[in-house]
C-alpha atoms as a PDB file:
ATOM      1  CA  MET A   1      91.450  83.812 105.690  1.00  0.00           C
ATOM      2  CA  GLN A   2      91.330  85.042 101.930  1.00  0.00           C
ATOM      3  CA  PRO A   3      89.444  88.147 101.532  1.00  0.00           C
ATOM      4  CA  GLY A   4      85.747  86.996 101.463  1.00  0.00           C
ATOM      5  CA  GLU A   5      86.080  83.585 102.601  1.00  0.00           C
ATOM      6  CA  GLU A   6      84.607  84.475 105.778  1.00  0.00           C
ATOM      7  CA  VAL A   7      81.246  85.798 103.605  1.00  0.00           C
ATOM      8  CA  ASN A   8      81.097  82.829 101.257  1.00  0.00           C
ATOM      9  CA  ALA A   9      81.177  80.643 104.345  1.00  0.00           C
ATOM     10  CA  LEU A  10      78.025  82.829 105.976  1.00  0.00           C
ATOM     11  CA  CYS A  11      76.212  82.526 102.466  1.00  0.00           C
ATOM     12  CA  ASP A  12      77.034  78.425 102.757  1.00  0.00           C
ATOM     13  CA  GLU A  13      75.350  78.363 106.298  1.00  0.00           C
ATOM     14  CA  LEU A  14      72.632  80.688 105.206  1.00  0.00           C
ATOM     15  CA  GLU A  15      71.808  78.102 102.273  1.00  0.00           C
ATOM     16  CA  GLU A  16      72.333  75.205 104.586  1.00  0.00           C
ATOM     17  CA  ILE A  17      69.688  76.440 106.312  1.00  0.00           C
ATOM     18  CA  LEU A  18      67.431  76.966 102.975  1.00  0.00           C
ATOM     19  CA  ASN A  19      67.961  73.112 102.103  1.00  0.00           C
ATOM     20  CA  GLU A  20      67.058  71.874 105.581  1.00  0.00           C
ATOM     21  CA  GLY A  21      64.088  74.075 105.854  1.00  0.00           C
ATOM     22  CA  LYS A  22      61.072  71.575 105.942  1.00  0.00           C
ATOM     23  CA  LYS A  23      58.321  71.478 103.125  1.00  0.00           C
ATOM     24  CA  PRO A  24      55.061  73.044 104.686  1.00  0.00           C
ATOM     25  CA  LEU A  25      52.151  70.298 105.456  1.00  0.00           C
ATOM     26  CA  MET A  26      49.611  71.910 102.522  1.00  0.00           C
ATOM     27  CA  GLY A  27      51.941  72.203  99.537  1.00  0.00           C
ATOM     28  CA  GLY A  28      51.715  75.619  98.780  1.00  0.00           C
ATOM     29  CA  SER A  29      51.997  77.707  95.573  1.00  0.00           C
ATOM     30  CA  GLY A  30      55.733  78.422  94.359  1.00  0.00           C
ATOM     31  CA  SER A  31      58.812  76.497  93.165  1.00  0.00           C
ATOM     32  CA  ASN A  32      60.455  75.087  95.927  1.00  0.00           C
ATOM     33  CA  PRO A  33      58.162  76.278  99.299  1.00  0.00           C
ATOM     34  CA  LYS A  34      59.894  75.877 102.651  1.00  0.00           C
ATOM     35  CA  ILE A  35      59.639  76.288 106.334  1.00  0.00           C
ATOM     36  CA  VAL A  36      62.906  77.820 107.383  1.00  0.00           C
ATOM     37  CA  ASP A  37      64.018  79.553 110.566  1.00  0.00           C
ATOM     38  CA  ALA A  38      63.511  83.166 110.271  1.00  0.00           C
ATOM     39  CA  ASP A  39      65.685  84.114 113.481  1.00  0.00           C
ATOM     40  CA  ALA A  40      68.818  82.108 112.100  1.00  0.00           C
ATOM     41  CA  ILE A  41      68.522  83.418 108.672  1.00  0.00           C
ATOM     42  CA  TYR A  42      68.440  86.806 110.286  1.00  0.00           C
ATOM     43  CA  ASP A  43      71.133  85.917 112.240  1.00  0.00           C
ATOM     44  CA  LEU A  44      73.169  85.622 109.466  1.00  0.00           C
ATOM     45  CA  LEU A  45      72.335  88.389 107.735  1.00  0.00           C
ATOM     46  CA  ASP A  46      73.457  90.533 110.835  1.00  0.00           C
ATOM     47  CA  GLU A  47      76.566  88.435 110.636  1.00  0.00           C
ATOM     48  CA  ILE A  48      77.383  88.984 106.898  1.00  0.00           C
ATOM     49  CA  ARG A  49      76.407  92.806 107.296  1.00  0.00           C
ATOM     50  CA  ASN A  50      79.335  92.608 109.975  1.00  0.00           C
ATOM     51  CA  VAL A  51      82.017  91.053 107.990  1.00  0.00           C
ATOM     52  CA  PHE A  52      81.603  93.178 104.799  1.00  0.00           C
ATOM     53  CA  PRO A  53      83.160  96.330 106.623  1.00  0.00           C
ATOM     54  CA  GLU A  54      86.516  93.798 107.247  1.00  0.00           C
ATOM     55  CA  GLU A  55      86.648  93.012 103.809  1.00  0.00           C
ATOM     56  CA  PHE A  56      86.512  96.544 102.842  1.00  0.00           C
ATOM     57  CA  ASN A  57      89.341  97.324 105.319  1.00  0.00           C
ATOM     58  CA  ALA A  58      91.421  94.241 104.341  1.00  0.00           C
ATOM     59  CA  ALA A  59      91.007  95.890 100.744  1.00  0.00           C
ATOM     60  CA  ARG A  60      92.128  99.401 102.167  1.00  0.00           C
ATOM     61  CA  ARG A  61      95.215  97.763 103.918  1.00  0.00           C
ATOM     62  CA  VAL A  62      96.211  96.519 100.719  1.00  0.00           C
ATOM     63  CA  MET A  63      96.041 100.270  98.737  1.00  0.00           C
ATOM     64  CA  LYS A  64      97.899 101.341 101.564  1.00  0.00           C
ATOM     65  CA  GLU A  65     100.390  99.079 101.649  1.00  0.00           C
ATOM     66  CA  GLU A  66     100.864  99.499  97.809  1.00  0.00           C
ATOM     67  CA  GLU A  67     101.598 103.083  98.699  1.00  0.00           C
ATOM     68  CA  GLU A  68     104.020 102.672 101.597  1.00  0.00           C
ATOM     69  CA  ILE A  69     105.854 100.177  99.116  1.00  0.00           C
ATOM     70  CA  LEU A  70     106.196 102.931  96.069  1.00  0.00           C
ATOM     71  CA  ALA A  71     107.139 105.418  98.450  1.00  0.00           C
ATOM     72  CA  HIS A  72     109.934 103.339  99.853  1.00  0.00           C
ATOM     73  CA  ALA A  73     111.322 102.351  96.190  1.00  0.00           C
ATOM     74  CA  HIS A  74     110.736 106.126  95.369  1.00  0.00           C
ATOM     75  CA  GLN A  75     112.722 106.734  98.630  1.00  0.00           C
ATOM     76  CA  THR A  76     114.971 104.222  97.741  1.00  0.00           C
ATOM     77  CA  ALA A  77     115.752 105.216  94.314  1.00  0.00           C
ATOM     78  CA  ASP A  78     116.545 109.141  95.306  1.00  0.00           C
ATOM     79  CA  THR A  79     119.019 107.671  97.612  1.00  0.00           C
ATOM     80  CA  ILE A  80     121.135 105.487  95.357  1.00  0.00           C
ATOM     81  CA  VAL A  81     120.880 108.510  92.912  1.00  0.00           C
ATOM     82  CA  ALA A  82     122.019 110.507  95.696  1.00  0.00           C
ATOM     83  CA  ASP A  83     124.942 108.250  96.845  1.00  0.00           C
ATOM     84  CA  ALA A  84     125.884 107.734  92.956  1.00  0.00           C
ATOM     85  CA  GLN A  85     126.037 111.487  92.669  1.00  0.00           C
ATOM     86  CA  GLN A  86     128.019 112.285  95.892  1.00  0.00           C
ATOM     87  CA  GLN A  87     130.829 109.355  94.492  1.00  0.00           C
ATOM     88  CA  ALA A  88     130.850 111.602  91.222  1.00  0.00           C
ATOM     89  CA  MET A  89     131.370 114.606  93.309  1.00  0.00           C
ATOM     90  CA  ILE A  90     134.318 113.021  95.434  1.00  0.00           C
ATOM     91  CA  LEU A  91     135.797 111.834  92.094  1.00  0.00           C
ATOM     92  CA  ALA A  92     135.112 115.252  90.263  1.00  0.00           C
ATOM     93  CA  GLY A  93     139.421 115.788  89.792  1.00  0.00           C
ATOM     94  CA  ASP A  94     139.293 113.976  86.897  1.00  0.00           C
ATOM     95  CA  GLN A  95     136.702 114.960  84.064  1.00  0.00           C
ATOM     96  CA  GLU A  96     136.485 111.459  82.599  1.00  0.00           C
ATOM     97  CA  VAL A  97     135.533 109.706  85.821  1.00  0.00           C
ATOM     98  CA  VAL A  98     132.810 112.317  86.605  1.00  0.00           C
ATOM     99  CA  ARG A  99     131.491 111.789  83.046  1.00  0.00           C
ATOM    100  CA  LEU A 100     131.227 107.693  83.445  1.00  0.00           C
ATOM    101  CA  ALA A 101     130.051 108.510  87.446  1.00  0.00           C
ATOM    102  CA  ASN A 102     127.060 110.468  86.058  1.00  0.00           C
ATOM    103  CA  GLN A 103     126.901 108.136  83.703  1.00  0.00           C
ATOM    104  CA  GLN A 104     126.402 105.338  86.387  1.00  0.00           C
ATOM    105  CA  ALA A 105     124.001 107.931  87.950  1.00  0.00           C
ATOM    106  CA  GLU A 106     121.692 108.195  85.052  1.00  0.00           C
ATOM    107  CA  GLU A 107     121.997 104.015  84.656  1.00  0.00           C
ATOM    108  CA  ILE A 108     120.886 103.924  88.618  1.00  0.00           C
ATOM    109  CA  ARG A 109     118.362 106.495  88.024  1.00  0.00           C
ATOM    110  CA  ASP A 110     117.161 104.486  85.029  1.00  0.00           C
ATOM    111  CA  GLN A 111     116.760 100.981  86.884  1.00  0.00           C
ATOM    112  CA  ALA A 112     115.298 102.648  89.879  1.00  0.00           C
ATOM    113  CA  SER A 113     112.807 104.004  87.388  1.00  0.00           C
ATOM    114  CA  GLN A 114     112.208 100.531  85.987  1.00  0.00           C
ATOM    115  CA  TYR A 115     111.948  98.667  89.737  1.00  0.00           C
ATOM    116  CA  GLU A 116     109.828 101.192  90.291  1.00  0.00           C
ATOM    117  CA  ARG A 117     107.512 100.736  87.394  1.00  0.00           C
ATOM    118  CA  ASP A 118     107.739  97.068  87.650  1.00  0.00           C
ATOM    119  CA  LEU A 119     106.596  97.291  91.224  1.00  0.00           C
ATOM    120  CA  ARG A 120     103.853  99.481  90.990  1.00  0.00           C
ATOM    121  CA  TYR A 121     102.453  97.039  88.115  1.00  0.00           C
ATOM    122  CA  HIS A 122     103.177  94.073  90.234  1.00  0.00           C
ATOM    123  CA  ILE A 123     101.002  96.041  93.146  1.00  0.00           C
ATOM    124  CA  ASN A 124      98.000  97.216  91.069  1.00  0.00           C
ATOM    125  CA  ASP A 125      97.592  93.658  89.552  1.00  0.00           C
ATOM    126  CA  TYR A 126      97.732  92.553  93.014  1.00  0.00           C
ATOM    127  CA  ALA A 127      95.364  94.894  94.340  1.00  0.00           C
ATOM    128  CA  GLU A 128      93.630  94.375  91.731  1.00  0.00           C
ATOM    129  CA  GLY A 129      92.772  91.170  92.001  1.00  0.00           C
ATOM    130  CA  VAL A 130      91.899  91.256  95.608  1.00  0.00           C
ATOM    131  CA  LEU A 131      89.426  93.765  94.565  1.00  0.00           C
ATOM    132  CA  THR A 132      88.129  91.884  92.073  1.00  0.00           C
ATOM    133  CA  GLY A 133      87.751  88.612  94.466  1.00  0.00           C
ATOM    134  CA  ILE A 134      85.927  91.061  96.727  1.00  0.00           C
ATOM    135  CA  GLU A 135      83.667  92.579  94.060  1.00  0.00           C
ATOM    136  CA  ASP A 136      82.763  88.379  93.023  1.00  0.00           C
ATOM    137  CA  ASN A 137      82.128  87.648  96.788  1.00  0.00           C
ATOM    138  CA  LEU A 138      79.801  90.518  97.087  1.00  0.00           C
ATOM    139  CA  LYS A 139      77.972  89.869  94.390  1.00  0.00           C
ATOM    140  CA  SER A 140      77.776  86.120  95.525  1.00  0.00           C
ATOM    141  CA  VAL A 141      76.540  86.913  98.753  1.00  0.00           C
ATOM    142  CA  ILE A 142      73.708  89.697  97.162  1.00  0.00           C
ATOM    143  CA  GLY A 143      72.910  86.766  94.464  1.00  0.00           C
ATOM    144  CA  GLN A 144      72.573  84.832  97.796  1.00  0.00           C
ATOM    145  CA  LEU A 145      70.695  87.269  99.572  1.00  0.00           C
ATOM    146  CA  GLU A 146      68.339  87.771  97.131  1.00  0.00           C
ATOM    147  CA  ARG A 147      67.725  83.832  96.702  1.00  0.00           C
ATOM    148  CA  SER A 148      66.899  83.881 100.145  1.00  0.00           C
ATOM    149  CA  ARG A 149      64.816  86.898 100.343  1.00  0.00           C
ATOM    150  CA  GLN A 150      62.667  85.116  97.325  1.00  0.00           C
ATOM    151  CA  ALA A 151      62.734  81.976  99.488  1.00  0.00           C
ATOM    152  CA  LEU A 152      61.419  83.224 102.304  1.00  0.00           C
ATOM    153  CA  ASP A 153      58.757  85.163  99.957  1.00  0.00           C
ATOM    154  CA  ASP A 154      57.424  82.621  98.447  1.00  0.00           C
ATOM    155  CA  GLY A 155      57.284  80.277 101.939  1.00  0.00           C
ATOM    156  CA  SER A 156      55.284  83.514 103.021  1.00  0.00           C
ATOM    157  CA  SER A 157      53.121  83.627  99.856  1.00  0.00           C
ATOM    158  CA  SER A 158      52.421  80.159 100.547  1.00  0.00           C
ATOM    159  CA  ARG A 159      51.076  80.640 103.769  1.00  0.00           C
ATOM    160  CA  ARG A 160      48.404  82.666 102.751  1.00  0.00           C
END
């Protein structure tokens, strides 16, 4: 399940409860007063509150995976450079060979650095997308909660 899908599903259920609410027999003031099952709404709100920590944990996992991938890329780059330097030392008998090996090691280091930069860019882009999705879902949930609260307030004020 994608981040935020569970929260969205719960909000859809909340909206469905509000949509299925009955109009009060005596009309009432407000734009759309309804009688709804408050316990069902409270249960869904509790579920939404329970899901939020899962969404945040998913975002944290993405960030941790990013760090692990970057550490692995850095370690791989260091290993490549060390291997290239070791090969250069083995061939140290000939100055030209050493020069070429150092040049190759520098090229490998540059490639590894570029790989790390590219990987960091893509991981940051991915993490930003996940966090933006979670942020959008949170905004949507807050909006739906505000509408639900307003509907409840409108319904309770019409009974007074």
